[in-house]
Amino acid sequence: MTTVGYRGSPQTTLGRIITIGVLVVGIGFVAVLTEAVAQRFLASEIEVLAELREVRARLDRLESRLADRAT
């Protein structure tokens, strides 16, 4: 929820439309900033997960080769 501030609100239709636009842009701006901060925290986790997937794939290949040698 957002507000136009202290005392009153726009009285004309044009004023209300402009106010709605400004409020929506403000909410969108805060959302983009929040996403950017969250992305900074999650970027390292995403990199770690990608590296773990790569290690898992290499381990699977090694296990497959060992299984082929055993038979």
PDB file of N, CA and C in Angstrom:
ATOM      1  N   MET A   1       0.853  -1.168   0.000  1.00  0.00           N
ATOM      2  CA  MET A   1       0.000   0.000   0.000  1.00  0.00           C
ATOM      3  C   MET A   1       0.896   1.226   0.000  1.00  0.00           C
ATOM      4  N   THR A   2       0.422   2.250  -0.635  1.00  0.00           N
ATOM      5  CA  THR A   2       1.175   3.496  -0.709  1.00  0.00           C
ATOM      6  C   THR A   2       0.232   4.672  -0.502  1.00  0.00           C
ATOM      7  N   THR A   3       0.784   5.818  -0.225  1.00  0.00           N
ATOM      8  CA  THR A   3      -0.031   7.000   0.043  1.00  0.00           C
ATOM      9  C   THR A   3       0.566   8.205  -0.682  1.00  0.00           C
ATOM     10  N   VAL A   4      -0.236   9.222  -0.842  1.00  0.00           N
ATOM     11  CA  VAL A   4       0.232  10.429  -1.514  1.00  0.00           C
ATOM     12  C   VAL A   4       0.895  11.390  -0.546  1.00  0.00           C
ATOM     13  N   GLY A   5       0.834  11.128   0.731  1.00  0.00           N
ATOM     14  CA  GLY A   5       1.503  11.988   1.696  1.00  0.00           C
ATOM     15  C   GLY A   5       0.531  12.638   2.659  1.00  0.00           C
ATOM     16  N   TYR A   6       1.012  13.692   3.278  1.00  0.00           N
ATOM     17  CA  TYR A   6       0.271  14.378   4.324  1.00  0.00           C
ATOM     18  C   TYR A   6      -0.791  15.300   3.747  1.00  0.00           C
ATOM     19  N   ARG A   7      -1.949  15.228   4.290  1.00  0.00           N
ATOM     20  CA  ARG A   7      -3.067  16.129   4.005  1.00  0.00           C
ATOM     21  C   ARG A   7      -3.552  16.092   2.576  1.00  0.00           C
ATOM     22  N   GLY A   8      -4.614  15.420   2.407  1.00  0.00           N
ATOM     23  CA  GLY A   8      -5.345  15.503   1.158  1.00  0.00           C
ATOM     24  C   GLY A   8      -4.815  14.653   0.031  1.00  0.00           C
ATOM     25  N   SER A   9      -5.566  14.674  -1.032  1.00  0.00           N
ATOM     26  CA  SER A   9      -5.206  13.951  -2.242  1.00  0.00           C
ATOM     27  C   SER A   9      -5.678  14.788  -3.424  1.00  0.00           C
ATOM     28  N   PRO A  10      -5.234  14.455  -4.615  1.00  0.00           N
ATOM     29  CA  PRO A  10      -5.636  15.229  -5.789  1.00  0.00           C
ATOM     30  C   PRO A  10      -7.155  15.255  -5.961  1.00  0.00           C
ATOM     31  N   GLN A  11      -7.655  16.400  -6.376  1.00  0.00           N
ATOM     32  CA  GLN A  11      -9.093  16.567  -6.515  1.00  0.00           C
ATOM     33  C   GLN A  11      -9.579  16.366  -7.944  1.00  0.00           C
ATOM     34  N   THR A  12      -8.706  16.590  -8.916  1.00  0.00           N
ATOM     35  CA  THR A  12      -9.135  16.483 -10.312  1.00  0.00           C
ATOM     36  C   THR A  12      -8.801  15.094 -10.851  1.00  0.00           C
ATOM     37  N   THR A  13      -9.481  14.740 -11.933  1.00  0.00           N
ATOM     38  CA  THR A  13      -9.233  13.444 -12.565  1.00  0.00           C
ATOM     39  C   THR A  13      -7.808  13.363 -13.090  1.00  0.00           C
ATOM     40  N   LEU A  14      -7.333  14.421 -13.726  1.00  0.00           N
ATOM     41  CA  LEU A  14      -5.964  14.428 -14.236  1.00  0.00           C
ATOM     42  C   LEU A  14      -4.959  14.289 -13.089  1.00  0.00           C
ATOM     43  N   GLY A  15      -5.196  14.980 -11.998  1.00  0.00           N
ATOM     44  CA  GLY A  15      -4.318  14.878 -10.835  1.00  0.00           C
ATOM     45  C   GLY A  15      -4.283  13.466 -10.279  1.00  0.00           C
ATOM     46  N   ARG A  16      -5.438  12.815 -10.237  1.00  0.00           N
ATOM     47  CA  ARG A  16      -5.500  11.432  -9.749  1.00  0.00           C
ATOM     48  C   ARG A  16      -4.764  10.480 -10.686  1.00  0.00           C
ATOM     49  N   ILE A  17      -4.898  10.681 -11.985  1.00  0.00           N
ATOM     50  CA  ILE A  17      -4.205   9.824 -12.959  1.00  0.00           C
ATOM     51  C   ILE A  17      -2.694   9.994 -12.818  1.00  0.00           C
ATOM     52  N   ILE A  18      -2.248  11.230 -12.695  1.00  0.00           N
ATOM     53  CA  ILE A  18      -0.811  11.484 -12.522  1.00  0.00           C
ATOM     54  C   ILE A  18      -0.319  10.855 -11.220  1.00  0.00           C
ATOM     55  N   THR A  19      -1.104  10.999 -10.172  1.00  0.00           N
ATOM     56  CA  THR A  19      -0.731  10.421  -8.884  1.00  0.00           C
ATOM     57  C   THR A  19      -0.605   8.909  -8.977  1.00  0.00           C
ATOM     58  N   ILE A  20      -1.548   8.261  -9.624  1.00  0.00           N
ATOM     59  CA  ILE A  20      -1.493   6.805  -9.799  1.00  0.00           C
ATOM     60  C   ILE A  20      -0.226   6.422 -10.562  1.00  0.00           C
ATOM     61  N   GLY A  21       0.075   7.160 -11.609  1.00  0.00           N
ATOM     62  CA  GLY A  21       1.288   6.873 -12.387  1.00  0.00           C
ATOM     63  C   GLY A  21       2.548   7.008 -11.556  1.00  0.00           C
ATOM     64  N   VAL A  22       2.633   8.079 -10.786  1.00  0.00           N
ATOM     65  CA  VAL A  22       3.814   8.305  -9.946  1.00  0.00           C
ATOM     66  C   VAL A  22       3.933   7.203  -8.892  1.00  0.00           C
ATOM     67  N   LEU A  23       2.842   6.816  -8.297  1.00  0.00           N
ATOM     68  CA  LEU A  23       2.870   5.771  -7.281  1.00  0.00           C
ATOM     69  C   LEU A  23       3.296   4.428  -7.876  1.00  0.00           C
ATOM     70  N   VAL A  24       2.778   4.100  -9.038  1.00  0.00           N
ATOM     71  CA  VAL A  24       3.137   2.832  -9.692  1.00  0.00           C
ATOM     72  C   VAL A  24       4.624   2.825 -10.061  1.00  0.00           C
ATOM     73  N   VAL A  25       5.103   3.926 -10.602  1.00  0.00           N
ATOM     74  CA  VAL A  25       6.529   4.010 -10.949  1.00  0.00           C
ATOM     75  C   VAL A  25       7.382   3.886  -9.687  1.00  0.00           C
ATOM     76  N   GLY A  26       6.978   4.508  -8.611  1.00  0.00           N
ATOM     77  CA  GLY A  26       7.720   4.417  -7.351  1.00  0.00           C
ATOM     78  C   GLY A  26       7.768   2.998  -6.813  1.00  0.00           C
ATOM     79  N   ILE A  27       6.646   2.309  -6.849  1.00  0.00           N
ATOM     80  CA  ILE A  27       6.607   0.921  -6.392  1.00  0.00           C
ATOM     81  C   ILE A  27       7.491   0.054  -7.288  1.00  0.00           C
ATOM     82  N   GLY A  28       7.434   0.288  -8.586  1.00  0.00           N
ATOM     83  CA  GLY A  28       8.273  -0.469  -9.515  1.00  0.00           C
ATOM     84  C   GLY A  28       9.749  -0.223  -9.261  1.00  0.00           C
ATOM     85  N   PHE A  29      10.115   1.007  -8.971  1.00  0.00           N
ATOM     86  CA  PHE A  29      11.509   1.348  -8.695  1.00  0.00           C
ATOM     87  C   PHE A  29      12.009   0.622  -7.459  1.00  0.00           C
ATOM     88  N   VAL A  30      11.211   0.612  -6.404  1.00  0.00           N
ATOM     89  CA  VAL A  30      11.594  -0.097  -5.178  1.00  0.00           C
ATOM     90  C   VAL A  30      11.712  -1.597  -5.460  1.00  0.00           C
ATOM     91  N   ALA A  31      10.830  -2.143  -6.273  1.00  0.00           N
ATOM     92  CA  ALA A  31      10.893  -3.565  -6.613  1.00  0.00           C
ATOM     93  C   ALA A  31      12.176  -3.891  -7.371  1.00  0.00           C
ATOM     94  N   VAL A  32      12.567  -3.039  -8.299  1.00  0.00           N
ATOM     95  CA  VAL A  32      13.797  -3.269  -9.066  1.00  0.00           C
ATOM     96  C   VAL A  32      15.015  -3.189  -8.147  1.00  0.00           C
ATOM     97  N   LEU A  33      15.042  -2.236  -7.251  1.00  0.00           N
ATOM     98  CA  LEU A  33      16.155  -2.140  -6.306  1.00  0.00           C
ATOM     99  C   LEU A  33      16.233  -3.381  -5.414  1.00  0.00           C
ATOM    100  N   THR A  34      15.095  -3.837  -4.944  1.00  0.00           N
ATOM    101  CA  THR A  34      15.058  -5.033  -4.105  1.00  0.00           C
ATOM    102  C   THR A  34      15.567  -6.243  -4.869  1.00  0.00           C
ATOM    103  N   GLU A  35      15.177  -6.380  -6.120  1.00  0.00           N
ATOM    104  CA  GLU A  35      15.633  -7.500  -6.947  1.00  0.00           C
ATOM    105  C   GLU A  35      17.132  -7.448  -7.159  1.00  0.00           C
ATOM    106  N   ALA A  36      17.676  -6.259  -7.368  1.00  0.00           N
ATOM    107  CA  ALA A  36      19.119  -6.113  -7.586  1.00  0.00           C
ATOM    108  C   ALA A  36      19.908  -6.531  -6.347  1.00  0.00           C
ATOM    109  N   VAL A  37      19.434  -6.136  -5.184  1.00  0.00           N
ATOM    110  CA  VAL A  37      20.109  -6.518  -3.939  1.00  0.00           C
ATOM    111  C   VAL A  37      20.016  -8.030  -3.738  1.00  0.00           C
ATOM    112  N   ALA A  38      18.848  -8.599  -3.967  1.00  0.00           N
ATOM    113  CA  ALA A  38      18.677 -10.046  -3.817  1.00  0.00           C
ATOM    114  C   ALA A  38      19.562 -10.805  -4.792  1.00  0.00           C
ATOM    115  N   GLN A  39      19.680 -10.314  -5.998  1.00  0.00           N
ATOM    116  CA  GLN A  39      20.515 -10.970  -7.007  1.00  0.00           C
ATOM    117  C   GLN A  39      21.970 -10.999  -6.573  1.00  0.00           C
ATOM    118  N   ARG A  40      22.440  -9.942  -5.931  1.00  0.00           N
ATOM    119  CA  ARG A  40      23.825  -9.907  -5.446  1.00  0.00           C
ATOM    120  C   ARG A  40      24.074 -11.008  -4.424  1.00  0.00           C
ATOM    121  N   PHE A  41      23.079 -11.258  -3.569  1.00  0.00           N
ATOM    122  CA  PHE A  41      23.226 -12.310  -2.567  1.00  0.00           C
ATOM    123  C   PHE A  41      23.135 -13.697  -3.202  1.00  0.00           C
ATOM    124  N   LEU A  42      22.285 -13.855  -4.193  1.00  0.00           N
ATOM    125  CA  LEU A  42      22.049 -15.171  -4.784  1.00  0.00           C
ATOM    126  C   LEU A  42      23.063 -15.552  -5.848  1.00  0.00           C
ATOM    127  N   ALA A  43      23.790 -14.592  -6.393  1.00  0.00           N
ATOM    128  CA  ALA A  43      24.728 -14.876  -7.481  1.00  0.00           C
ATOM    129  C   ALA A  43      25.773 -15.893  -7.059  1.00  0.00           C
ATOM    130  N   SER A  44      26.315 -15.767  -5.871  1.00  0.00           N
ATOM    131  CA  SER A  44      27.334 -16.711  -5.423  1.00  0.00           C
ATOM    132  C   SER A  44      26.742 -18.100  -5.245  1.00  0.00           C
ATOM    133  N   GLU A  45      25.522 -18.203  -4.764  1.00  0.00           N
ATOM    134  CA  GLU A  45      24.874 -19.503  -4.603  1.00  0.00           C
ATOM    135  C   GLU A  45      24.618 -20.156  -5.958  1.00  0.00           C
ATOM    136  N   ILE A  46      24.241 -19.379  -6.938  1.00  0.00           N
ATOM    137  CA  ILE A  46      23.989 -19.915  -8.279  1.00  0.00           C
ATOM    138  C   ILE A  46      25.279 -20.459  -8.865  1.00  0.00           C
ATOM    139  N   GLU A  47      26.390 -19.739  -8.665  1.00  0.00           N
ATOM    140  CA  GLU A  47      27.682 -20.212  -9.162  1.00  0.00           C
ATOM    141  C   GLU A  47      28.088 -21.509  -8.477  1.00  0.00           C
ATOM    142  N   VAL A  48      27.869 -21.613  -7.178  1.00  0.00           N
ATOM    143  CA  VAL A  48      28.214 -22.823  -6.440  1.00  0.00           C
ATOM    144  C   VAL A  48      27.374 -23.997  -6.940  1.00  0.00           C
ATOM    145  N   LEU A  49      26.096 -23.770  -7.164  1.00  0.00           N
ATOM    146  CA  LEU A  49      25.235 -24.844  -7.662  1.00  0.00           C
ATOM    147  C   LEU A  49      25.673 -25.322  -9.043  1.00  0.00           C
ATOM    148  N   ALA A  50      26.071 -24.402  -9.899  1.00  0.00           N
ATOM    149  CA  ALA A  50      26.550 -24.786 -11.228  1.00  0.00           C
ATOM    150  C   ALA A  50      27.815 -25.617 -11.115  1.00  0.00           C
ATOM    151  N   GLU A  51      28.716 -25.234 -10.237  1.00  0.00           N
ATOM    152  CA  GLU A  51      29.952 -25.989 -10.050  1.00  0.00           C
ATOM    153  C   GLU A  51      29.656 -27.373  -9.471  1.00  0.00           C
ATOM    154  N   LEU A  52      28.721 -27.457  -8.547  1.00  0.00           N
ATOM    155  CA  LEU A  52      28.346 -28.757  -7.990  1.00  0.00           C
ATOM    156  C   LEU A  52      27.742 -29.672  -9.059  1.00  0.00           C
ATOM    157  N   ARG A  53      26.951 -29.112  -9.955  1.00  0.00           N
ATOM    158  CA  ARG A  53      26.396 -29.919 -11.048  1.00  0.00           C
ATOM    159  C   ARG A  53      27.498 -30.456 -11.944  1.00  0.00           C
ATOM    160  N   GLU A  54      28.493 -29.619 -12.206  1.00  0.00           N
ATOM    161  CA  GLU A  54      29.616 -30.047 -13.036  1.00  0.00           C
ATOM    162  C   GLU A  54      30.402 -31.173 -12.350  1.00  0.00           C
ATOM    163  N   VAL A  55      30.653 -31.018 -11.068  1.00  0.00           N
ATOM    164  CA  VAL A  55      31.368 -32.056 -10.317  1.00  0.00           C
ATOM    165  C   VAL A  55      30.558 -33.341 -10.306  1.00  0.00           C
ATOM    166  N   ARG A  56      29.256 -33.226 -10.128  1.00  0.00           N
ATOM    167  CA  ARG A  56      28.381 -34.411 -10.120  1.00  0.00           C
ATOM    168  C   ARG A  56      28.428 -35.131 -11.470  1.00  0.00           C
ATOM    169  N   ALA A  57      28.417 -34.387 -12.559  1.00  0.00           N
ATOM    170  CA  ALA A  57      28.482 -34.985 -13.891  1.00  0.00           C
ATOM    171  C   ALA A  57      29.819 -35.700 -14.085  1.00  0.00           C
ATOM    172  N   ARG A  58      30.898 -35.094 -13.635  1.00  0.00           N
ATOM    173  CA  ARG A  58      32.213 -35.734 -13.749  1.00  0.00           C
ATOM    174  C   ARG A  58      32.266 -37.004 -12.914  1.00  0.00           C
ATOM    175  N   LEU A  59      31.700 -36.969 -11.717  1.00  0.00           N
ATOM    176  CA  LEU A  59      31.665 -38.147 -10.857  1.00  0.00           C
ATOM    177  C   LEU A  59      30.853 -39.265 -11.493  1.00  0.00           C
ATOM    178  N   ASP A  60      29.732 -38.911 -12.087  1.00  0.00           N
ATOM    179  CA  ASP A  60      28.909 -39.914 -12.773  1.00  0.00           C
ATOM    180  C   ASP A  60      29.686 -40.575 -13.906  1.00  0.00           C
ATOM    181  N   ARG A  61      30.447 -39.770 -14.666  1.00  0.00           N
ATOM    182  CA  ARG A  61      31.255 -40.336 -15.758  1.00  0.00           C
ATOM    183  C   ARG A  61      32.327 -41.272 -15.220  1.00  0.00           C
ATOM    184  N   LEU A  62      32.973 -40.886 -14.139  1.00  0.00           N
ATOM    185  CA  LEU A  62      33.997 -41.740 -13.534  1.00  0.00           C
ATOM    186  C   LEU A  62      33.400 -43.052 -13.016  1.00  0.00           C
ATOM    187  N   GLU A  63      32.264 -42.957 -12.366  1.00  0.00           N
ATOM    188  CA  GLU A  63      31.597 -44.166 -11.874  1.00  0.00           C
ATOM    189  C   GLU A  63      31.209 -45.082 -13.028  1.00  0.00           C
ATOM    190  N   SER A  64      30.756 -44.492 -14.100  1.00  0.00           N
ATOM    191  CA  SER A  64      30.389 -45.289 -15.285  1.00  0.00           C
ATOM    192  C   SER A  64      31.611 -45.991 -15.863  1.00  0.00           C
ATOM    193  N   ARG A  65      32.742 -45.305 -15.946  1.00  0.00           N
ATOM    194  CA  ARG A  65      33.959 -45.928 -16.452  1.00  0.00           C
ATOM    195  C   ARG A  65      34.431 -47.049 -15.538  1.00  0.00           C
ATOM    196  N   LEU A  66      34.363 -46.832 -14.245  1.00  0.00           N
ATOM    197  CA  LEU A  66      34.765 -47.881 -13.302  1.00  0.00           C
ATOM    198  C   LEU A  66      33.843 -49.089 -13.408  1.00  0.00           C
ATOM    199  N   ALA A  67      32.555 -48.842 -13.578  1.00  0.00           N
ATOM    200  CA  ALA A  67      31.609 -49.951 -13.719  1.00  0.00           C
ATOM    201  C   ALA A  67      31.896 -50.732 -14.996  1.00  0.00           C
ATOM    202  N   ASP A  68      32.265 -50.022 -16.078  1.00  0.00           N
ATOM    203  CA  ASP A  68      32.601 -50.705 -17.338  1.00  0.00           C
ATOM    204  C   ASP A  68      33.869 -51.544 -17.190  1.00  0.00           C
ATOM    205  N   ARG A  69      34.830 -51.087 -16.440  1.00  0.00           N
ATOM    206  CA  ARG A  69      36.076 -51.816 -16.222  1.00  0.00           C
ATOM    207  C   ARG A  69      35.835 -53.056 -15.370  1.00  0.00           C
ATOM    208  N   ALA A  70      34.931 -52.971 -14.434  1.00  0.00           N
ATOM    209  CA  ALA A  70      34.673 -54.079 -13.521  1.00  0.00           C
ATOM    210  C   ALA A  70      33.982 -55.247 -14.228  1.00  0.00           C
ATOM    211  N   THR A  71      33.311 -54.973 -15.321  1.00  0.00           N
ATOM    212  CA  THR A  71      32.603 -56.057 -16.016  1.00  0.00           C
ATOM    213  C   THR A  71      33.396 -56.651 -17.136  1.00  0.00           C
TER     214      THR A  71
END
